[in-house]
Amino acid sequence: MKDMKFPIDIIWSDSDGKVVHIEKRLEPCISVFTCTSCSPSRNSQFVLDTVAGITQRLDVSVGIDIDFELVG
């Protein structure tokens, strides 16, 4: 998150697409010494970084299933 310039939400999901952990409105690091470290509370397969507020706007919560498509 060192080079991040704006707040984000982070969503972790398992291999079945079930949300296992969410971090909301993470702020950019001021310096490498004050950078917040975060990790899921359970094993996960995927992580999705989104604009801050999207989890609240779309009512994303731990335990729900999410579908996403990787586009190359």
C-alpha atoms as a PDB file:
ATOM      1  CA  MET A   1       0.000   0.000   0.000  1.00  0.00           C
ATOM      2  CA  LYS A   2       3.087   2.233  -0.085  1.00  0.00           C
ATOM      3  CA  ASP A   3       2.341   3.760  -3.505  1.00  0.00           C
ATOM      4  CA  MET A   4      -1.402   4.050  -2.989  1.00  0.00           C
ATOM      5  CA  LYS A   5      -2.739   7.585  -3.503  1.00  0.00           C
ATOM      6  CA  PHE A   6      -6.374   7.214  -2.366  1.00  0.00           C
ATOM      7  CA  PRO A   7      -8.431   5.184   0.168  1.00  0.00           C
ATOM      8  CA  ILE A   8      -9.461   1.653  -0.826  1.00  0.00           C
ATOM      9  CA  ASP A   9     -11.584  -1.269   0.344  1.00  0.00           C
ATOM     10  CA  ILE A  10     -10.015  -4.736   0.195  1.00  0.00           C
ATOM     11  CA  ILE A  11     -12.100  -7.902  -0.161  1.00  0.00           C
ATOM     12  CA  TRP A  12     -10.654 -11.381   0.390  1.00  0.00           C
ATOM     13  CA  SER A  13     -12.526 -14.484  -0.802  1.00  0.00           C
ATOM     14  CA  ASP A  14     -11.924 -18.217  -0.680  1.00  0.00           C
ATOM     15  CA  SER A  15     -11.682 -20.554  -3.689  1.00  0.00           C
ATOM     16  CA  ASP A  16     -15.490 -20.798  -3.817  1.00  0.00           C
ATOM     17  CA  GLY A  17     -15.935 -17.010  -4.011  1.00  0.00           C
ATOM     18  CA  LYS A  18     -17.196 -16.631  -0.437  1.00  0.00           C
ATOM     19  CA  VAL A  19     -16.031 -13.410   1.203  1.00  0.00           C
ATOM     20  CA  VAL A  20     -13.838 -14.258   4.209  1.00  0.00           C
ATOM     21  CA  HIS A  21     -12.521 -10.816   5.218  1.00  0.00           C
ATOM     22  CA  ILE A  22     -13.010  -7.128   4.394  1.00  0.00           C
ATOM     23  CA  GLU A  23     -10.922  -4.066   5.205  1.00  0.00           C
ATOM     24  CA  LYS A  24     -12.767  -0.795   4.599  1.00  0.00           C
ATOM     25  CA  ARG A  25     -11.442   2.659   3.739  1.00  0.00           C
ATOM     26  CA  LEU A  26      -7.738   1.940   4.124  1.00  0.00           C
ATOM     27  CA  GLU A  27      -5.864   5.210   3.849  1.00  0.00           C
ATOM     28  CA  PRO A  28      -2.632   5.652   1.885  1.00  0.00           C
ATOM     29  CA  CYS A  29       0.592   5.287   3.836  1.00  0.00           C
ATOM     30  CA  ILE A  30       2.167   8.491   5.056  1.00  0.00           C
ATOM     31  CA  SER A  31       5.557   6.803   5.108  1.00  0.00           C
ATOM     32  CA  VAL A  32       6.881   3.249   5.059  1.00  0.00           C
ATOM     33  CA  PHE A  33       7.161   3.477   8.856  1.00  0.00           C
ATOM     34  CA  THR A  34       3.461   4.295   9.336  1.00  0.00           C
ATOM     35  CA  CYS A  35       2.013   1.936   6.751  1.00  0.00           C
ATOM     36  CA  THR A  36      -0.882  -0.242   7.927  1.00  0.00           C
ATOM     37  CA  SER A  37      -0.477  -3.963   7.382  1.00  0.00           C
ATOM     38  CA  CYS A  38      -3.575  -6.072   6.890  1.00  0.00           C
ATOM     39  CA  SER A  39      -4.343  -9.698   6.180  1.00  0.00           C
ATOM     40  CA  PRO A  40      -7.447 -11.879   6.150  1.00  0.00           C
ATOM     41  CA  SER A  41      -8.644 -13.539   9.329  1.00  0.00           C
ATOM     42  CA  ARG A  42      -9.137 -16.817   7.400  1.00  0.00           C
ATOM     43  CA  ASN A  43      -7.452 -18.562   4.476  1.00  0.00           C
ATOM     44  CA  SER A  44      -8.237 -16.939   1.156  1.00  0.00           C
ATOM     45  CA  GLN A  45      -7.632 -17.560  -2.529  1.00  0.00           C
ATOM     46  CA  PHE A  46      -8.387 -14.147  -4.045  1.00  0.00           C
ATOM     47  CA  VAL A  47      -8.028 -10.505  -3.040  1.00  0.00           C
ATOM     48  CA  LEU A  48      -9.810  -7.591  -4.685  1.00  0.00           C
ATOM     49  CA  ASP A  49      -8.750  -3.974  -4.121  1.00  0.00           C
ATOM     50  CA  THR A  50     -11.554  -1.524  -4.870  1.00  0.00           C
ATOM     51  CA  VAL A  51     -12.316   2.151  -4.445  1.00  0.00           C
ATOM     52  CA  ALA A  52     -13.224   3.069  -0.888  1.00  0.00           C
ATOM     53  CA  GLY A  53     -16.912   2.745  -0.105  1.00  0.00           C
ATOM     54  CA  ILE A  54     -17.765   0.097  -2.700  1.00  0.00           C
ATOM     55  CA  THR A  55     -18.296  -2.600  -0.053  1.00  0.00           C
ATOM     56  CA  GLN A  56     -20.854  -0.421   1.703  1.00  0.00           C
ATOM     57  CA  ARG A  57     -22.492   0.753  -1.525  1.00  0.00           C
ATOM     58  CA  LEU A  58     -22.891  -2.824  -2.835  1.00  0.00           C
ATOM     59  CA  ASP A  59     -23.632  -4.271   0.631  1.00  0.00           C
ATOM     60  CA  VAL A  60     -20.664  -6.659   0.496  1.00  0.00           C
ATOM     61  CA  SER A  61     -20.226  -8.528   3.778  1.00  0.00           C
ATOM     62  CA  VAL A  62     -18.321 -11.518   5.125  1.00  0.00           C
ATOM     63  CA  GLY A  63     -20.039 -14.771   4.177  1.00  0.00           C
ATOM     64  CA  ILE A  64     -21.639 -13.682   0.917  1.00  0.00           C
ATOM     65  CA  ASP A  65     -20.642 -15.162  -2.431  1.00  0.00           C
ATOM     66  CA  ILE A  66     -19.141 -12.878  -5.039  1.00  0.00           C
ATOM     67  CA  ASP A  67     -18.561 -13.586  -8.707  1.00  0.00           C
ATOM     68  CA  PHE A  68     -15.968 -11.823 -10.791  1.00  0.00           C
ATOM     69  CA  GLU A  69     -14.396 -12.393 -14.157  1.00  0.00           C
ATOM     70  CA  LEU A  70     -10.706 -11.917 -14.882  1.00  0.00           C
ATOM     71  CA  VAL A  71     -10.292  -9.990 -18.122  1.00  0.00           C
ATOM     72  CA  GLY A  72      -6.910  -9.905 -19.849  1.00  0.00           C
END
